[in-house]
Amino acid sequence: MINEMLAIAWKDLQLLFKDKGSLAVLFLMPLILAPIMAAPTLTMRE
């Protein structure tokens, strides 16, 4: 069972690294979304 899960994870990683666009989105989306999500809390100071 664990070998099957590792095989699936390995295949997913191979597909991810072949597709450079998906790899870029994987790293850029958190960098874009973090300031957007933090902005409301930063502007509510009294």
C-alpha atoms as a PDB file:
ATOM      1  CA  MET A   1       0.000   0.000   0.000  1.00  0.00           C
ATOM      2  CA  ILE A   2       2.765   2.442   0.907  1.00  0.00           C
ATOM      3  CA  ASN A   3       4.680   1.535  -2.249  1.00  0.00           C
ATOM      4  CA  GLU A   4       1.615   2.371  -4.336  1.00  0.00           C
ATOM      5  CA  MET A   5       1.222   5.739  -2.624  1.00  0.00           C
ATOM      6  CA  LEU A   6       4.911   6.520  -3.134  1.00  0.00           C
ATOM      7  CA  ALA A   7       4.642   5.558  -6.801  1.00  0.00           C
ATOM      8  CA  ILE A   8       1.696   7.924  -7.264  1.00  0.00           C
ATOM      9  CA  ALA A   9       3.509  10.735  -5.440  1.00  0.00           C
ATOM     10  CA  TRP A  10       6.645  10.160  -7.536  1.00  0.00           C
ATOM     11  CA  LYS A  11       4.631  10.276 -10.765  1.00  0.00           C
ATOM     12  CA  ASP A  12       2.901  13.490  -9.665  1.00  0.00           C
ATOM     13  CA  LEU A  13       6.256  15.098  -8.866  1.00  0.00           C
ATOM     14  CA  GLN A  14       7.636  14.090 -12.251  1.00  0.00           C
ATOM     15  CA  LEU A  15       4.627  15.646 -13.991  1.00  0.00           C
ATOM     16  CA  LEU A  16       4.951  18.802 -11.907  1.00  0.00           C
ATOM     17  CA  PHE A  17       8.620  19.307 -12.743  1.00  0.00           C
ATOM     18  CA  LYS A  18       8.033  18.683 -16.455  1.00  0.00           C
ATOM     19  CA  ASP A  19       5.446  21.469 -16.620  1.00  0.00           C
ATOM     20  CA  LYS A  20       7.327  24.702 -15.876  1.00  0.00           C
ATOM     21  CA  GLY A  21       4.135  26.772 -15.843  1.00  0.00           C
ATOM     22  CA  SER A  22       2.611  24.724 -13.041  1.00  0.00           C
ATOM     23  CA  LEU A  23       5.850  24.875 -11.108  1.00  0.00           C
ATOM     24  CA  ALA A  24       5.894  28.670 -11.388  1.00  0.00           C
ATOM     25  CA  VAL A  25       2.267  28.920 -10.256  1.00  0.00           C
ATOM     26  CA  LEU A  26       3.007  26.634  -7.314  1.00  0.00           C
ATOM     27  CA  PHE A  27       5.596  29.087  -5.979  1.00  0.00           C
ATOM     28  CA  LEU A  28       4.138  32.411  -7.146  1.00  0.00           C
ATOM     29  CA  MET A  29       0.553  32.030  -5.935  1.00  0.00           C
ATOM     30  CA  PRO A  30       1.430  32.010  -2.206  1.00  0.00           C
ATOM     31  CA  LEU A  31       3.645  35.061  -2.745  1.00  0.00           C
ATOM     32  CA  ILE A  32       0.773  36.877  -4.434  1.00  0.00           C
ATOM     33  CA  LEU A  33      -1.985  35.748  -2.071  1.00  0.00           C
ATOM     34  CA  ALA A  34      -0.158  36.367   1.226  1.00  0.00           C
ATOM     35  CA  PRO A  35      -0.129  40.193   0.921  1.00  0.00           C
ATOM     36  CA  ILE A  36      -3.715  40.206  -0.340  1.00  0.00           C
ATOM     37  CA  MET A  37      -4.907  38.186   2.652  1.00  0.00           C
ATOM     38  CA  ALA A  38      -2.812  40.221   5.109  1.00  0.00           C
ATOM     39  CA  ALA A  39      -3.872  43.635   3.790  1.00  0.00           C
ATOM     40  CA  PRO A  40      -7.176  43.892   5.712  1.00  0.00           C
ATOM     41  CA  THR A  41      -5.487  43.198   9.039  1.00  0.00           C
ATOM     42  CA  LEU A  42      -2.756  45.751   8.414  1.00  0.00           C
ATOM     43  CA  THR A  43      -5.155  48.578   7.570  1.00  0.00           C
ATOM     44  CA  MET A  44      -7.403  48.155  10.627  1.00  0.00           C
ATOM     45  CA  ARG A  45      -5.066  49.746  13.171  1.00  0.00           C
ATOM     46  CA  GLU A  46      -6.478  52.361  15.526  1.00  0.00           C
END
